[in-house]
Amino acid sequence: MRRFTEKQRGQSMVEYIIVTSAIIAALYTGGDVVKALHQAMKGSYEGYSYTISVAEIPDKEE
């Protein structure tokens, strides 16, 4: 059982390194990626805040 846990821990570390490397590579290749991510997050938040502002509050009549 111990070998299985050690293999899982090793696999998790490899996955973490791959994802971290991909993020770092995307950030170093150009600012367009960061700018696009910022715009996407901003648009998502604007849509969410608009939806919350026009949502009808339900009555508490039971």
Protein backbone atom coordinates (compact mmCIF):
# COMPACT_ATOMS: atom_id res chain seq x y z
CA MET A 1 0.00 0.00 0.00
CA ARG A 2 2.87 2.35 0.72
CA ARG A 3 4.25 2.10 -2.82
CA PHE A 4 0.87 3.13 -4.24
CA THR A 5 0.82 6.27 -2.06
CA GLU A 6 4.37 7.18 -3.08
CA LYS A 7 3.49 6.77 -6.76
CA GLN A 8 0.45 9.02 -6.35
CA ARG A 9 2.54 11.65 -4.62
CA GLY A 10 5.08 11.51 -7.44
CA GLN A 11 2.35 11.78 -10.07
CA SER A 12 0.84 14.80 -8.31
CA MET A 13 4.20 16.54 -8.26
CA VAL A 14 4.73 15.90 -11.98
CA GLU A 15 1.26 17.27 -12.79
CA TYR A 16 1.92 20.34 -10.63
CA ILE A 17 5.24 20.98 -12.38
CA ILE A 18 3.67 20.63 -15.83
CA VAL A 19 0.79 23.00 -15.06
CA THR A 20 3.09 25.53 -13.39
CA SER A 21 5.51 25.38 -16.33
CA ALA A 22 2.67 25.93 -18.80
CA ILE A 23 1.44 28.97 -16.87
CA ILE A 24 4.93 30.45 -16.64
CA ALA A 25 5.53 29.84 -20.36
CA ALA A 26 2.24 31.54 -21.23
CA LEU A 27 3.14 34.56 -19.13
CA TYR A 28 6.62 34.88 -20.65
CA THR A 29 5.52 34.50 -24.27
CA GLY A 30 3.65 37.76 -24.26
CA GLY A 31 1.39 40.12 -22.45
CA ASP A 32 -1.51 39.27 -24.75
CA VAL A 33 -2.32 36.19 -22.71
CA VAL A 34 -2.47 38.14 -19.47
CA LYS A 35 -4.50 40.90 -21.10
CA ALA A 36 -6.97 38.39 -22.59
CA LEU A 37 -7.33 36.65 -19.23
CA HIS A 38 -7.94 39.98 -17.53
CA GLN A 39 -10.60 40.95 -20.06
CA ALA A 40 -12.32 37.57 -19.73
CA MET A 41 -12.42 37.81 -15.94
CA LYS A 42 -13.63 41.40 -16.08
CA GLY A 43 -16.42 40.50 -18.52
CA SER A 44 -17.47 37.57 -16.40
CA TYR A 45 -17.65 39.71 -13.27
CA GLU A 46 -19.60 42.43 -15.08
CA GLY A 47 -22.12 39.88 -16.29
CA TYR A 48 -22.43 38.38 -12.82
CA SER A 49 -22.90 41.75 -11.12
CA TYR A 50 -25.49 42.80 -13.71
CA THR A 51 -27.44 39.58 -13.23
CA ILE A 52 -27.45 40.03 -9.46
CA SER A 53 -28.59 43.65 -9.77
CA VAL A 54 -31.63 42.84 -11.94
CA ALA A 55 -32.64 39.59 -10.23
CA GLU A 56 -35.97 39.67 -8.50
CA ILE A 57 -35.80 39.04 -4.77
CA PRO A 58 -38.23 36.26 -3.81
CA ASP A 59 -40.90 36.85 -1.19
CA LYS A 60 -40.63 35.03 2.12
CA GLU A 61 -44.28 34.14 2.27
CA GLU A 62 -44.69 30.53 3.23
